[in-house]
Amino acid sequence: MTTALLTGLVVFVLASFIGFEVINKVPPTLHTPLMSGANAISGIAVVGAILVAGESNEKLTLAFGLIAIIFATVNVVGGFLVTDRMLQMFKK
């Protein structure tokens, strides 16, 4: 296993744990408004994943890049749907 792959894996695992803990600490009343802000971050993740997958020469990196593109895109679309539903609740 290369050093770069091992470092990337460690960063991914740590980011997953930290993200899980941060999301669990957010009260439900703040979750929906924060989702709209998270859409911008997920959009950046989509662009980054496209760059990683596009420049890849290794099959494993390409696979992880494609998985990242799929998950980030689902997150962006879901966030916009939740935000739209929240805004529909405030219309007369």
C-alpha atoms as a PDB file:
ATOM      1  CA  MET A   1       0.000   0.000   0.000  1.00  0.00           C
ATOM      2  CA  THR A   2       1.443   3.362  -0.939  1.00  0.00           C
ATOM      3  CA  THR A   3       1.954   6.139   1.581  1.00  0.00           C
ATOM      4  CA  ALA A   4      -0.404   8.482  -0.245  1.00  0.00           C
ATOM      5  CA  LEU A   5      -3.190   5.898  -0.241  1.00  0.00           C
ATOM      6  CA  LEU A   6      -2.682   5.155   3.451  1.00  0.00           C
ATOM      7  CA  THR A   7      -2.694   8.862   4.294  1.00  0.00           C
ATOM      8  CA  GLY A   8      -5.861   9.401   2.274  1.00  0.00           C
ATOM      9  CA  LEU A   9      -7.535   6.470   4.001  1.00  0.00           C
ATOM     10  CA  VAL A  10      -6.630   7.791   7.462  1.00  0.00           C
ATOM     11  CA  VAL A  11      -7.963  11.258   6.579  1.00  0.00           C
ATOM     12  CA  PHE A  12     -11.181   9.716   5.243  1.00  0.00           C
ATOM     13  CA  VAL A  13     -11.772   7.650   8.390  1.00  0.00           C
ATOM     14  CA  LEU A  14     -11.044  10.578  10.723  1.00  0.00           C
ATOM     15  CA  ALA A  15     -13.264  12.920   8.696  1.00  0.00           C
ATOM     16  CA  SER A  16     -16.073  10.346   8.817  1.00  0.00           C
ATOM     17  CA  PHE A  17     -15.912  10.066  12.598  1.00  0.00           C
ATOM     18  CA  ILE A  18     -15.682  13.821  13.132  1.00  0.00           C
ATOM     19  CA  GLY A  19     -18.522  14.491  10.677  1.00  0.00           C
ATOM     20  CA  PHE A  20     -20.720  11.917  12.395  1.00  0.00           C
ATOM     21  CA  GLU A  21     -20.098  13.463  15.807  1.00  0.00           C
ATOM     22  CA  VAL A  22     -20.705  17.016  14.589  1.00  0.00           C
ATOM     23  CA  ILE A  23     -23.985  16.117  12.870  1.00  0.00           C
ATOM     24  CA  ASN A  24     -25.247  14.268  15.945  1.00  0.00           C
ATOM     25  CA  LYS A  25     -24.716  17.390  18.077  1.00  0.00           C
ATOM     26  CA  VAL A  26     -26.891  19.623  15.847  1.00  0.00           C
ATOM     27  CA  PRO A  27     -30.444  20.072  17.173  1.00  0.00           C
ATOM     28  CA  PRO A  28     -33.233  19.094  14.748  1.00  0.00           C
ATOM     29  CA  THR A  29     -34.501  22.680  14.524  1.00  0.00           C
ATOM     30  CA  LEU A  30     -31.172  23.818  13.072  1.00  0.00           C
ATOM     31  CA  HIS A  31     -30.577  20.840  10.814  1.00  0.00           C
ATOM     32  CA  THR A  32     -32.680  22.000   7.844  1.00  0.00           C
ATOM     33  CA  PRO A  33     -31.273  25.562   7.613  1.00  0.00           C
ATOM     34  CA  LEU A  34     -27.739  24.187   7.914  1.00  0.00           C
ATOM     35  CA  MET A  35     -28.494  21.770   5.074  1.00  0.00           C
ATOM     36  CA  SER A  36     -28.638  24.650   2.602  1.00  0.00           C
ATOM     37  CA  GLY A  37     -25.182  25.793   3.646  1.00  0.00           C
ATOM     38  CA  ALA A  38     -23.898  22.253   3.376  1.00  0.00           C
ATOM     39  CA  ASN A  39     -25.035  22.142  -0.267  1.00  0.00           C
ATOM     40  CA  ALA A  40     -22.257  24.562  -1.210  1.00  0.00           C
ATOM     41  CA  ILE A  41     -19.680  22.380   0.524  1.00  0.00           C
ATOM     42  CA  SER A  42     -21.027  19.275  -1.201  1.00  0.00           C
ATOM     43  CA  GLY A  43     -20.867  21.088  -4.518  1.00  0.00           C
ATOM     44  CA  ILE A  44     -17.179  21.698  -3.897  1.00  0.00           C
ATOM     45  CA  ALA A  45     -16.805  17.999  -3.036  1.00  0.00           C
ATOM     46  CA  VAL A  46     -18.396  17.069  -6.380  1.00  0.00           C
ATOM     47  CA  VAL A  47     -15.927  19.260  -8.269  1.00  0.00           C
ATOM     48  CA  GLY A  48     -12.994  17.832  -6.279  1.00  0.00           C
ATOM     49  CA  ALA A  49     -14.136  14.263  -6.880  1.00  0.00           C
ATOM     50  CA  ILE A  50     -14.463  14.933 -10.608  1.00  0.00           C
ATOM     51  CA  LEU A  51     -10.918  16.291 -10.661  1.00  0.00           C
ATOM     52  CA  VAL A  52      -9.575  13.272  -8.763  1.00  0.00           C
ATOM     53  CA  ALA A  53     -11.436  10.752 -10.909  1.00  0.00           C
ATOM     54  CA  GLY A  54     -10.508  12.528 -14.143  1.00  0.00           C
ATOM     55  CA  GLU A  55      -6.766  12.605 -13.465  1.00  0.00           C
ATOM     56  CA  SER A  56      -6.585   9.061 -12.132  1.00  0.00           C
ATOM     57  CA  ASN A  57      -4.419   6.378 -13.675  1.00  0.00           C
ATOM     58  CA  GLU A  58      -5.148   3.802 -10.967  1.00  0.00           C
ATOM     59  CA  LYS A  59      -8.382   1.832 -10.934  1.00  0.00           C
ATOM     60  CA  LEU A  60      -8.793   2.112  -7.145  1.00  0.00           C
ATOM     61  CA  THR A  61      -8.494   5.903  -7.229  1.00  0.00           C
ATOM     62  CA  LEU A  62     -10.956   6.064 -10.116  1.00  0.00           C
ATOM     63  CA  ALA A  63     -13.426   3.867  -8.209  1.00  0.00           C
ATOM     64  CA  PHE A  64     -13.178   6.004  -5.061  1.00  0.00           C
ATOM     65  CA  GLY A  65     -13.542   9.155  -7.160  1.00  0.00           C
ATOM     66  CA  LEU A  66     -16.704   7.830  -8.814  1.00  0.00           C
ATOM     67  CA  ILE A  67     -18.144   6.790  -5.454  1.00  0.00           C
ATOM     68  CA  ALA A  68     -17.380  10.271  -4.086  1.00  0.00           C
ATOM     69  CA  ILE A  69     -19.101  11.871  -7.083  1.00  0.00           C
ATOM     70  CA  ILE A  70     -22.212   9.757  -6.544  1.00  0.00           C
ATOM     71  CA  PHE A  71     -22.435  10.374  -2.782  1.00  0.00           C
ATOM     72  CA  ALA A  72     -21.773  14.106  -3.037  1.00  0.00           C
ATOM     73  CA  THR A  73     -24.329  14.485  -5.838  1.00  0.00           C
ATOM     74  CA  VAL A  74     -26.961  12.623  -3.807  1.00  0.00           C
ATOM     75  CA  ASN A  75     -26.164  14.915  -0.873  1.00  0.00           C
ATOM     76  CA  VAL A  76     -26.531  18.071  -2.986  1.00  0.00           C
ATOM     77  CA  VAL A  77     -29.832  16.972  -4.541  1.00  0.00           C
ATOM     78  CA  GLY A  78     -31.217  15.818  -1.183  1.00  0.00           C
ATOM     79  CA  GLY A  79     -30.201  19.078   0.439  1.00  0.00           C
ATOM     80  CA  PHE A  80     -31.956  21.132  -2.210  1.00  0.00           C
ATOM     81  CA  LEU A  81     -35.100  19.001  -1.888  1.00  0.00           C
ATOM     82  CA  VAL A  82     -35.149  19.406   1.904  1.00  0.00           C
ATOM     83  CA  THR A  83     -34.541  23.152   1.631  1.00  0.00           C
ATOM     84  CA  ASP A  84     -37.311  23.496  -0.953  1.00  0.00           C
ATOM     85  CA  ARG A  85     -39.704  21.560   1.251  1.00  0.00           C
ATOM     86  CA  MET A  86     -38.811  23.788   4.201  1.00  0.00           C
ATOM     87  CA  LEU A  87     -39.453  26.928   2.149  1.00  0.00           C
ATOM     88  CA  GLN A  88     -42.804  25.528   0.916  1.00  0.00           C
ATOM     89  CA  MET A  89     -43.927  25.273   4.547  1.00  0.00           C
ATOM     90  CA  PHE A  90     -43.578  29.048   4.972  1.00  0.00           C
ATOM     91  CA  LYS A  91     -45.627  30.008   1.884  1.00  0.00           C
ATOM     92  CA  LYS A  92     -49.206  31.108   2.362  1.00  0.00           C
END
